[in-house]
Each structure stands twice: as structure tokens, then as C-alpha cells.
Amino acid sequence: MDDVEHVGGKNASLGEMISNLASVGVDVPGGFATTATAFRDFLSQSGIDDRINAKLDALDVDDVNALAVVGKEIRQWVIDTPFQTQLTTAIEEAYAKMQADAKSEFSVAVRSSATAEDLPDASFAGQQETFLNVDGIDYVMHSIKEVFAS
């Protein structure tokens, strides 16, 4: 579970399962994860992080309606901002490998795996989006954006 800080608890656990069960003959479907660094780079390199900080600096956190409006606006920025070429290529290559390894048609789950999802004094489990039965690279890319935005 050394990868929790990089890919979150769920993904780290899945990686452990794949590593440990495959070696004893249990067939565990493969997958891939985007890293916390990839997410931070996406926000930083696109300038979204600066826009978010500016928006939050001006926000009255006691105004519930303003919180909802700003949250929706920030999520839309994430969805509307293109991934950097390096991230797009990495996702496309990982998905293509899954396709090549598949024995038949397949769909995937795209879900969050936050690095601070289940802390001793707080839990954020179930707060981010999950997409099941995702079919095709275009839908995978869109679903990753939606998860990032959530």
C-alpha cells in the first residue's frame, strides 16, 4: 500500500489485489490510475488552480448559495479545460493496452480514489462521481474529467 499518496486508497488496494492474487492464479481484471500528481499538474499547468484560489479568496463561505454557485462554476472549468497532451497520451496508451489484453468486448469503471478519502477524523467516501460501464476512449476521457471535477 505504498502508493496511497500517489493513487489513493482504492487504487492502491486494487493494485495490491492484482499483484497478490494473480500470482496464485486468480484472474483479476487489469486497469490503470491517474495519479494525484497528474491531477495537480492538470490544475497548475492549465491555470485552473490560480482561478480557483482567486475565486475562493473572494468567497463568503457562510453564504451557502454562493458556495453552490462557485462550486458549479469551478467544476465546469475542469470539464471544459483540455487535458495536457502528456496526460491524454498516457490515458490513451493505458486504455489501448487494456483493449489489447482484453479477450472480448469490455467496459470499464471510472471512479475516484482520493488520497485523503478515509482519514481517521473525516471520511469523504462516496462524495466523488463514479461511472460504470464506460465504453470507448472518448467516454473514458470525459468520465475522467467528470471525476476530476467532482
N, C-alpha and C. Protein backbone atom coordinates (compact mmCIF):
# COMPACT_ATOMS: atom_id res chain seq x y z
N MET A 1 0.82 -1.19 0.00
CA MET A 1 0.00 0.00 0.00
C MET A 1 0.87 1.26 0.00
N ASP A 2 2.02 1.16 -0.60
CA ASP A 2 2.94 2.30 -0.65
C ASP A 2 2.46 3.39 -1.60
N ASP A 3 1.48 3.09 -2.44
CA ASP A 3 1.07 4.03 -3.48
C ASP A 3 -0.13 4.89 -3.10
N VAL A 4 -0.63 4.79 -1.87
CA VAL A 4 -1.83 5.53 -1.48
C VAL A 4 -1.68 7.01 -1.76
N GLU A 5 -0.54 7.60 -1.42
CA GLU A 5 -0.37 9.04 -1.62
C GLU A 5 -0.32 9.42 -3.10
N HIS A 6 -0.07 8.46 -3.96
CA HIS A 6 0.01 8.73 -5.40
C HIS A 6 -1.30 8.45 -6.13
N VAL A 7 -1.99 7.38 -5.74
CA VAL A 7 -3.19 6.97 -6.49
C VAL A 7 -4.42 6.77 -5.62
N GLY A 8 -4.33 7.04 -4.33
CA GLY A 8 -5.47 6.89 -3.44
C GLY A 8 -5.64 5.47 -2.94
N GLY A 9 -6.46 5.34 -1.91
CA GLY A 9 -6.64 4.06 -1.25
C GLY A 9 -7.26 2.98 -2.10
N LYS A 10 -8.33 3.33 -2.83
CA LYS A 10 -9.00 2.31 -3.66
C LYS A 10 -8.06 1.76 -4.72
N ASN A 11 -7.38 2.64 -5.41
CA ASN A 11 -6.47 2.19 -6.47
C ASN A 11 -5.29 1.42 -5.89
N ALA A 12 -4.76 1.86 -4.78
CA ALA A 12 -3.64 1.14 -4.16
C ALA A 12 -4.09 -0.27 -3.75
N SER A 13 -5.29 -0.38 -3.20
CA SER A 13 -5.82 -1.69 -2.82
C SER A 13 -6.02 -2.59 -4.03
N LEU A 14 -6.53 -2.02 -5.11
CA LEU A 14 -6.70 -2.81 -6.34
C LEU A 14 -5.36 -3.28 -6.86
N GLY A 15 -4.37 -2.43 -6.81
CA GLY A 15 -3.03 -2.82 -7.25
C GLY A 15 -2.47 -3.96 -6.42
N GLU A 16 -2.70 -3.89 -5.12
CA GLU A 16 -2.26 -4.98 -4.23
C GLU A 16 -2.98 -6.28 -4.57
N MET A 17 -4.30 -6.18 -4.83
CA MET A 17 -5.05 -7.38 -5.20
C MET A 17 -4.52 -8.00 -6.47
N ILE A 18 -4.30 -7.17 -7.47
CA ILE A 18 -3.80 -7.67 -8.75
C ILE A 18 -2.44 -8.34 -8.54
N SER A 19 -1.57 -7.68 -7.81
CA SER A 19 -0.22 -8.23 -7.58
C SER A 19 -0.26 -9.55 -6.82
N ASN A 20 -1.06 -9.61 -5.78
CA ASN A 20 -1.05 -10.78 -4.91
C ASN A 20 -1.92 -11.93 -5.42
N LEU A 21 -3.06 -11.62 -6.01
CA LEU A 21 -3.96 -12.69 -6.43
C LEU A 21 -3.58 -13.29 -7.77
N ALA A 22 -3.06 -12.48 -8.68
CA ALA A 22 -2.67 -13.00 -9.99
C ALA A 22 -1.58 -14.06 -9.85
N SER A 23 -0.70 -13.86 -8.88
CA SER A 23 0.40 -14.81 -8.71
C SER A 23 -0.05 -16.17 -8.18
N VAL A 24 -1.27 -16.24 -7.64
CA VAL A 24 -1.81 -17.52 -7.17
C VAL A 24 -2.92 -18.04 -8.07
N GLY A 25 -3.03 -17.45 -9.27
CA GLY A 25 -3.95 -17.96 -10.27
C GLY A 25 -5.33 -17.35 -10.29
N VAL A 26 -5.59 -16.32 -9.50
CA VAL A 26 -6.89 -15.66 -9.52
C VAL A 26 -6.86 -14.60 -10.62
N ASP A 27 -7.84 -14.65 -11.50
CA ASP A 27 -7.92 -13.72 -12.62
C ASP A 27 -8.55 -12.41 -12.15
N VAL A 28 -7.75 -11.37 -12.06
CA VAL A 28 -8.22 -10.06 -11.64
C VAL A 28 -8.10 -9.12 -12.84
N PRO A 29 -9.20 -8.46 -13.21
CA PRO A 29 -9.12 -7.55 -14.36
C PRO A 29 -8.09 -6.45 -14.14
N GLY A 30 -7.41 -6.08 -15.19
CA GLY A 30 -6.43 -5.02 -15.12
C GLY A 30 -7.07 -3.65 -15.09
N GLY A 31 -6.25 -2.66 -15.05
CA GLY A 31 -6.74 -1.29 -15.05
C GLY A 31 -5.57 -0.33 -15.00
N PHE A 32 -5.87 0.93 -14.85
CA PHE A 32 -4.83 1.94 -14.69
C PHE A 32 -5.39 3.07 -13.86
N ALA A 33 -4.51 3.88 -13.34
CA ALA A 33 -4.91 5.01 -12.50
C ALA A 33 -4.18 6.26 -12.95
N THR A 34 -4.87 7.38 -12.87
CA THR A 34 -4.19 8.66 -12.98
C THR A 34 -3.69 8.99 -11.57
N THR A 35 -2.61 9.70 -11.48
CA THR A 35 -2.02 9.99 -10.17
C THR A 35 -2.47 11.34 -9.63
N ALA A 36 -2.26 11.51 -8.33
CA ALA A 36 -2.52 12.81 -7.71
C ALA A 36 -1.65 13.88 -8.36
N THR A 37 -0.43 13.52 -8.72
CA THR A 37 0.46 14.46 -9.40
C THR A 37 -0.11 14.87 -10.75
N ALA A 38 -0.66 13.92 -11.49
CA ALA A 38 -1.27 14.24 -12.79
C ALA A 38 -2.42 15.22 -12.61
N PHE A 39 -3.23 15.02 -11.57
CA PHE A 39 -4.34 15.93 -11.28
C PHE A 39 -3.82 17.32 -10.93
N ARG A 40 -2.83 17.38 -10.02
CA ARG A 40 -2.28 18.69 -9.63
C ARG A 40 -1.62 19.38 -10.83
N ASP A 41 -0.92 18.63 -11.67
CA ASP A 41 -0.31 19.21 -12.87
C ASP A 41 -1.37 19.75 -13.81
N PHE A 42 -2.47 19.02 -13.97
CA PHE A 42 -3.58 19.49 -14.81
C PHE A 42 -4.08 20.83 -14.30
N LEU A 43 -4.31 20.94 -13.00
CA LEU A 43 -4.80 22.20 -12.44
C LEU A 43 -3.78 23.31 -12.59
N SER A 44 -2.52 23.01 -12.31
CA SER A 44 -1.46 24.01 -12.34
C SER A 44 -1.14 24.48 -13.75
N GLN A 45 -0.87 23.53 -14.64
CA GLN A 45 -0.45 23.88 -15.99
C GLN A 45 -1.56 24.57 -16.79
N SER A 46 -2.80 24.29 -16.45
CA SER A 46 -3.91 24.93 -17.15
C SER A 46 -4.27 26.28 -16.54
N GLY A 47 -3.75 26.56 -15.35
CA GLY A 47 -4.07 27.80 -14.66
C GLY A 47 -5.36 27.73 -13.85
N ILE A 48 -6.00 26.58 -13.84
CA ILE A 48 -7.25 26.46 -13.08
C ILE A 48 -7.00 26.68 -11.59
N ASP A 49 -5.87 26.20 -11.08
CA ASP A 49 -5.61 26.35 -9.64
C ASP A 49 -5.58 27.82 -9.23
N ASP A 50 -4.98 28.68 -10.05
CA ASP A 50 -4.97 30.11 -9.74
C ASP A 50 -6.37 30.71 -9.80
N ARG A 51 -7.15 30.28 -10.79
CA ARG A 51 -8.54 30.76 -10.89
C ARG A 51 -9.35 30.31 -9.68
N ILE A 52 -9.15 29.06 -9.26
CA ILE A 52 -9.87 28.54 -8.09
C ILE A 52 -9.49 29.35 -6.85
N ASN A 53 -8.20 29.55 -6.64
CA ASN A 53 -7.75 30.29 -5.46
C ASN A 53 -8.30 31.71 -5.44
N ALA A 54 -8.30 32.38 -6.59
CA ALA A 54 -8.85 33.74 -6.66
C ALA A 54 -10.34 33.73 -6.34
N LYS A 55 -11.05 32.76 -6.87
CA LYS A 55 -12.49 32.66 -6.63
C LYS A 55 -12.77 32.37 -5.15
N LEU A 56 -11.99 31.48 -4.56
CA LEU A 56 -12.20 31.13 -3.16
C LEU A 56 -11.80 32.26 -2.21
N ASP A 57 -10.78 33.03 -2.58
CA ASP A 57 -10.37 34.16 -1.75
C ASP A 57 -11.49 35.19 -1.61
N ALA A 58 -12.30 35.33 -2.64
CA ALA A 58 -13.38 36.31 -2.64
C ALA A 58 -14.71 35.73 -2.13
N LEU A 59 -14.73 34.47 -1.78
CA LEU A 59 -15.98 33.78 -1.43
C LEU A 59 -16.33 33.94 0.04
N ASP A 60 -17.59 34.23 0.30
CA ASP A 60 -18.12 34.23 1.67
C ASP A 60 -18.55 32.80 1.97
N VAL A 61 -17.76 32.08 2.74
CA VAL A 61 -18.02 30.66 2.99
C VAL A 61 -19.27 30.43 3.83
N ASP A 62 -19.83 31.48 4.40
CA ASP A 62 -21.08 31.34 5.15
C ASP A 62 -22.30 31.48 4.25
N ASP A 63 -22.09 31.85 3.00
CA ASP A 63 -23.18 32.01 2.03
C ASP A 63 -23.34 30.70 1.25
N VAL A 64 -24.30 29.89 1.68
CA VAL A 64 -24.49 28.56 1.09
C VAL A 64 -24.81 28.65 -0.40
N ASN A 65 -25.60 29.62 -0.79
CA ASN A 65 -25.94 29.77 -2.22
C ASN A 65 -24.70 30.11 -3.04
N ALA A 66 -23.87 31.00 -2.52
CA ALA A 66 -22.63 31.36 -3.22
C ALA A 66 -21.70 30.16 -3.32
N LEU A 67 -21.64 29.36 -2.27
CA LEU A 67 -20.82 28.14 -2.31
C LEU A 67 -21.26 27.22 -3.44
N ALA A 68 -22.57 27.04 -3.58
CA ALA A 68 -23.10 26.17 -4.63
C ALA A 68 -22.79 26.72 -6.01
N VAL A 69 -22.95 28.02 -6.19
CA VAL A 69 -22.69 28.64 -7.49
C VAL A 69 -21.21 28.54 -7.86
N VAL A 70 -20.35 28.86 -6.92
CA VAL A 70 -18.90 28.81 -7.17
C VAL A 70 -18.45 27.37 -7.41
N GLY A 71 -18.96 26.44 -6.64
CA GLY A 71 -18.62 25.04 -6.84
C GLY A 71 -18.99 24.56 -8.23
N LYS A 72 -20.18 24.93 -8.67
CA LYS A 72 -20.63 24.54 -10.02
C LYS A 72 -19.74 25.18 -11.08
N GLU A 73 -19.38 26.44 -10.89
CA GLU A 73 -18.52 27.14 -11.85
C GLU A 73 -17.14 26.48 -11.94
N ILE A 74 -16.57 26.15 -10.80
CA ILE A 74 -15.24 25.52 -10.79
C ILE A 74 -15.29 24.15 -11.45
N ARG A 75 -16.33 23.37 -11.13
CA ARG A 75 -16.46 22.05 -11.78
C ARG A 75 -16.54 22.20 -13.29
N GLN A 76 -17.24 23.21 -13.77
CA GLN A 76 -17.36 23.41 -15.21
C GLN A 76 -16.02 23.80 -15.83
N TRP A 77 -15.23 24.59 -15.12
CA TRP A 77 -13.88 24.93 -15.62
C TRP A 77 -13.08 23.66 -15.86
N VAL A 78 -13.14 22.75 -14.91
CA VAL A 78 -12.38 21.49 -15.03
C VAL A 78 -12.86 20.70 -16.23
N ILE A 79 -14.16 20.60 -16.40
CA ILE A 79 -14.72 19.83 -17.52
C ILE A 79 -14.37 20.47 -18.86
N ASP A 80 -14.38 21.79 -18.92
CA ASP A 80 -14.15 22.50 -20.18
C ASP A 80 -12.67 22.62 -20.56
N THR A 81 -11.77 22.40 -19.64
CA THR A 81 -10.34 22.59 -19.90
C THR A 81 -9.73 21.32 -20.47
N PRO A 82 -9.07 21.42 -21.63
CA PRO A 82 -8.45 20.22 -22.22
C PRO A 82 -7.32 19.69 -21.34
N PHE A 83 -7.18 18.37 -21.36
CA PHE A 83 -6.02 17.75 -20.71
C PHE A 83 -4.76 18.13 -21.48
N GLN A 84 -3.62 18.17 -20.78
CA GLN A 84 -2.35 18.36 -21.45
C GLN A 84 -2.08 17.13 -22.32
N THR A 85 -1.31 17.34 -23.38
CA THR A 85 -1.00 16.27 -24.32
C THR A 85 -0.41 15.06 -23.63
N GLN A 86 0.50 15.28 -22.69
CA GLN A 86 1.16 14.17 -21.99
C GLN A 86 0.15 13.31 -21.24
N LEU A 87 -0.81 13.93 -20.56
CA LEU A 87 -1.82 13.18 -19.81
C LEU A 87 -2.75 12.44 -20.77
N THR A 88 -3.18 13.12 -21.83
CA THR A 88 -4.04 12.48 -22.83
C THR A 88 -3.36 11.25 -23.41
N THR A 89 -2.10 11.40 -23.79
CA THR A 89 -1.36 10.28 -24.37
C THR A 89 -1.23 9.12 -23.39
N ALA A 90 -0.93 9.42 -22.14
CA ALA A 90 -0.78 8.37 -21.12
C ALA A 90 -2.08 7.60 -20.93
N ILE A 91 -3.20 8.32 -20.88
CA ILE A 91 -4.50 7.67 -20.72
C ILE A 91 -4.82 6.83 -21.95
N GLU A 92 -4.62 7.40 -23.13
CA GLU A 92 -4.90 6.66 -24.36
C GLU A 92 -4.06 5.39 -24.46
N GLU A 93 -2.78 5.48 -24.10
CA GLU A 93 -1.91 4.31 -24.16
C GLU A 93 -2.32 3.24 -23.15
N ALA A 94 -2.68 3.65 -21.95
CA ALA A 94 -3.10 2.69 -20.92
C ALA A 94 -4.40 2.00 -21.34
N TYR A 95 -5.32 2.77 -21.90
CA TYR A 95 -6.59 2.18 -22.35
C TYR A 95 -6.36 1.24 -23.53
N ALA A 96 -5.49 1.62 -24.45
CA ALA A 96 -5.18 0.77 -25.60
C ALA A 96 -4.56 -0.55 -25.14
N LYS A 97 -3.73 -0.52 -24.10
CA LYS A 97 -3.16 -1.75 -23.56
C LYS A 97 -4.26 -2.64 -22.99
N MET A 98 -5.20 -2.03 -22.29
CA MET A 98 -6.32 -2.81 -21.76
C MET A 98 -7.11 -3.46 -22.89
N GLN A 99 -7.33 -2.69 -23.96
CA GLN A 99 -8.04 -3.23 -25.13
C GLN A 99 -7.28 -4.40 -25.72
N ALA A 100 -5.98 -4.26 -25.87
CA ALA A 100 -5.16 -5.31 -26.47
C ALA A 100 -5.16 -6.57 -25.61
N ASP A 101 -5.21 -6.40 -24.29
CA ASP A 101 -5.19 -7.53 -23.37
C ASP A 101 -6.56 -8.19 -23.20
N ALA A 102 -7.61 -7.48 -23.60
CA ALA A 102 -8.98 -8.00 -23.40
C ALA A 102 -9.23 -9.19 -24.33
N LYS A 103 -9.95 -10.15 -23.79
CA LYS A 103 -10.29 -11.33 -24.58
C LYS A 103 -11.60 -11.12 -25.34
N SER A 104 -12.33 -10.08 -24.99
CA SER A 104 -13.60 -9.79 -25.64
C SER A 104 -13.92 -8.31 -25.44
N GLU A 105 -15.08 -7.91 -25.90
CA GLU A 105 -15.52 -6.52 -25.68
C GLU A 105 -15.53 -6.25 -24.18
N PHE A 106 -15.24 -5.04 -23.80
CA PHE A 106 -15.22 -4.73 -22.37
C PHE A 106 -15.64 -3.29 -22.13
N SER A 107 -16.08 -3.04 -20.94
CA SER A 107 -16.32 -1.68 -20.49
C SER A 107 -15.58 -1.53 -19.16
N VAL A 108 -15.42 -0.31 -18.73
CA VAL A 108 -14.62 -0.05 -17.54
C VAL A 108 -15.41 0.81 -16.55
N ALA A 109 -14.90 0.87 -15.34
CA ALA A 109 -15.41 1.79 -14.34
C ALA A 109 -14.40 2.93 -14.22
N VAL A 110 -14.89 4.14 -14.17
CA VAL A 110 -14.04 5.31 -13.93
C VAL A 110 -14.53 5.90 -12.62
N ARG A 111 -13.64 5.88 -11.64
CA ARG A 111 -14.05 6.33 -10.31
C ARG A 111 -12.92 7.03 -9.59
N SER A 112 -13.28 7.77 -8.57
CA SER A 112 -12.28 8.49 -7.78
C SER A 112 -11.55 7.53 -6.86
N SER A 113 -10.40 7.95 -6.43
CA SER A 113 -9.65 7.26 -5.38
C SER A 113 -8.82 8.32 -4.69
N ALA A 114 -9.48 9.11 -3.87
CA ALA A 114 -8.83 10.26 -3.25
C ALA A 114 -7.73 9.83 -2.29
N THR A 115 -6.68 10.63 -2.25
CA THR A 115 -5.55 10.31 -1.38
C THR A 115 -5.88 10.57 0.09
N ALA A 116 -6.92 11.34 0.36
CA ALA A 116 -7.34 11.62 1.74
C ALA A 116 -8.80 11.25 1.93
N GLU A 117 -9.21 10.15 1.31
CA GLU A 117 -10.63 9.80 1.31
C GLU A 117 -11.13 9.31 2.66
N ASP A 118 -10.37 8.49 3.33
CA ASP A 118 -10.81 7.91 4.60
C ASP A 118 -9.79 8.20 5.69
N LEU A 119 -9.88 9.39 6.22
CA LEU A 119 -8.97 9.80 7.28
C LEU A 119 -9.54 9.39 8.64
N PRO A 120 -8.71 9.31 9.67
CA PRO A 120 -9.22 8.92 10.99
C PRO A 120 -10.31 9.85 11.51
N ASP A 121 -10.23 11.15 11.16
CA ASP A 121 -11.21 12.10 11.69
C ASP A 121 -12.16 12.66 10.64
N ALA A 122 -12.15 12.10 9.44
CA ALA A 122 -13.06 12.56 8.38
C ALA A 122 -13.13 11.51 7.28
N SER A 123 -14.30 11.40 6.69
CA SER A 123 -14.45 10.47 5.57
C SER A 123 -15.13 11.20 4.42
N PHE A 124 -14.58 11.04 3.23
CA PHE A 124 -15.15 11.64 2.04
C PHE A 124 -15.64 10.58 1.08
N ALA A 125 -15.71 9.34 1.56
CA ALA A 125 -16.13 8.23 0.70
C ALA A 125 -17.52 8.52 0.13
N GLY A 126 -17.68 8.24 -1.15
CA GLY A 126 -18.97 8.42 -1.81
C GLY A 126 -19.25 9.84 -2.26
N GLN A 127 -18.33 10.75 -2.08
CA GLN A 127 -18.56 12.15 -2.43
C GLN A 127 -18.26 12.45 -3.90
N GLN A 128 -17.36 11.70 -4.50
CA GLN A 128 -16.98 11.95 -5.89
C GLN A 128 -17.78 11.05 -6.84
N GLU A 129 -17.78 11.46 -8.10
CA GLU A 129 -18.52 10.74 -9.13
C GLU A 129 -17.91 9.37 -9.41
N THR A 130 -18.76 8.46 -9.85
CA THR A 130 -18.36 7.14 -10.32
C THR A 130 -19.12 6.87 -11.61
N PHE A 131 -18.43 6.33 -12.60
CA PHE A 131 -19.06 5.99 -13.88
C PHE A 131 -18.79 4.52 -14.17
N LEU A 132 -19.85 3.76 -14.35
CA LEU A 132 -19.75 2.34 -14.63
C LEU A 132 -20.10 2.06 -16.08
N ASN A 133 -19.63 0.93 -16.60
CA ASN A 133 -19.92 0.51 -17.97
C ASN A 133 -19.51 1.55 -19.00
N VAL A 134 -18.35 2.15 -18.79
CA VAL A 134 -17.82 3.15 -19.71
C VAL A 134 -17.18 2.41 -20.88
N ASP A 135 -17.59 2.77 -22.08
CA ASP A 135 -17.17 2.05 -23.28
C ASP A 135 -16.55 3.03 -24.28
N GLY A 136 -15.27 2.85 -24.57
CA GLY A 136 -14.60 3.68 -25.57
C GLY A 136 -13.78 4.78 -24.95
N ILE A 137 -12.69 5.12 -25.63
CA ILE A 137 -11.73 6.09 -25.10
C ILE A 137 -12.34 7.48 -24.93
N ASP A 138 -13.23 7.89 -25.83
CA ASP A 138 -13.82 9.22 -25.70
C ASP A 138 -14.64 9.34 -24.41
N TYR A 139 -15.42 8.31 -24.13
CA TYR A 139 -16.23 8.32 -22.91
C TYR A 139 -15.34 8.17 -21.68
N VAL A 140 -14.25 7.41 -21.79
CA VAL A 140 -13.29 7.31 -20.68
C VAL A 140 -12.72 8.69 -20.37
N MET A 141 -12.27 9.41 -21.40
CA MET A 141 -11.68 10.74 -21.19
C MET A 141 -12.69 11.69 -20.55
N HIS A 142 -13.91 11.68 -21.06
CA HIS A 142 -14.94 12.55 -20.50
C HIS A 142 -15.24 12.17 -19.04
N SER A 143 -15.31 10.89 -18.77
CA SER A 143 -15.60 10.43 -17.41
C SER A 143 -14.49 10.81 -16.44
N ILE A 144 -13.25 10.73 -16.88
CA ILE A 144 -12.13 11.16 -16.03
C ILE A 144 -12.26 12.64 -15.71
N LYS A 145 -12.63 13.45 -16.70
CA LYS A 145 -12.85 14.88 -16.47
C LYS A 145 -13.94 15.09 -15.41
N GLU A 146 -15.03 14.34 -15.53
CA GLU A 146 -16.13 14.47 -14.57
C GLU A 146 -15.68 14.07 -13.17
N VAL A 147 -14.87 13.03 -13.07
CA VAL A 147 -14.35 12.61 -11.76
C VAL A 147 -13.41 13.69 -11.22
N PHE A 148 -12.52 14.20 -12.05
CA PHE A 148 -11.64 15.29 -11.61
C PHE A 148 -12.47 16.47 -11.11
N ALA A 149 -13.55 16.79 -11.81
CA ALA A 149 -14.38 17.94 -11.44
C ALA A 149 -15.14 17.71 -10.14
N SER A 150 -15.39 16.45 -9.84
CA SER A 150 -16.18 16.17 -8.64
C SER A 150 -15.33 16.29 -7.37
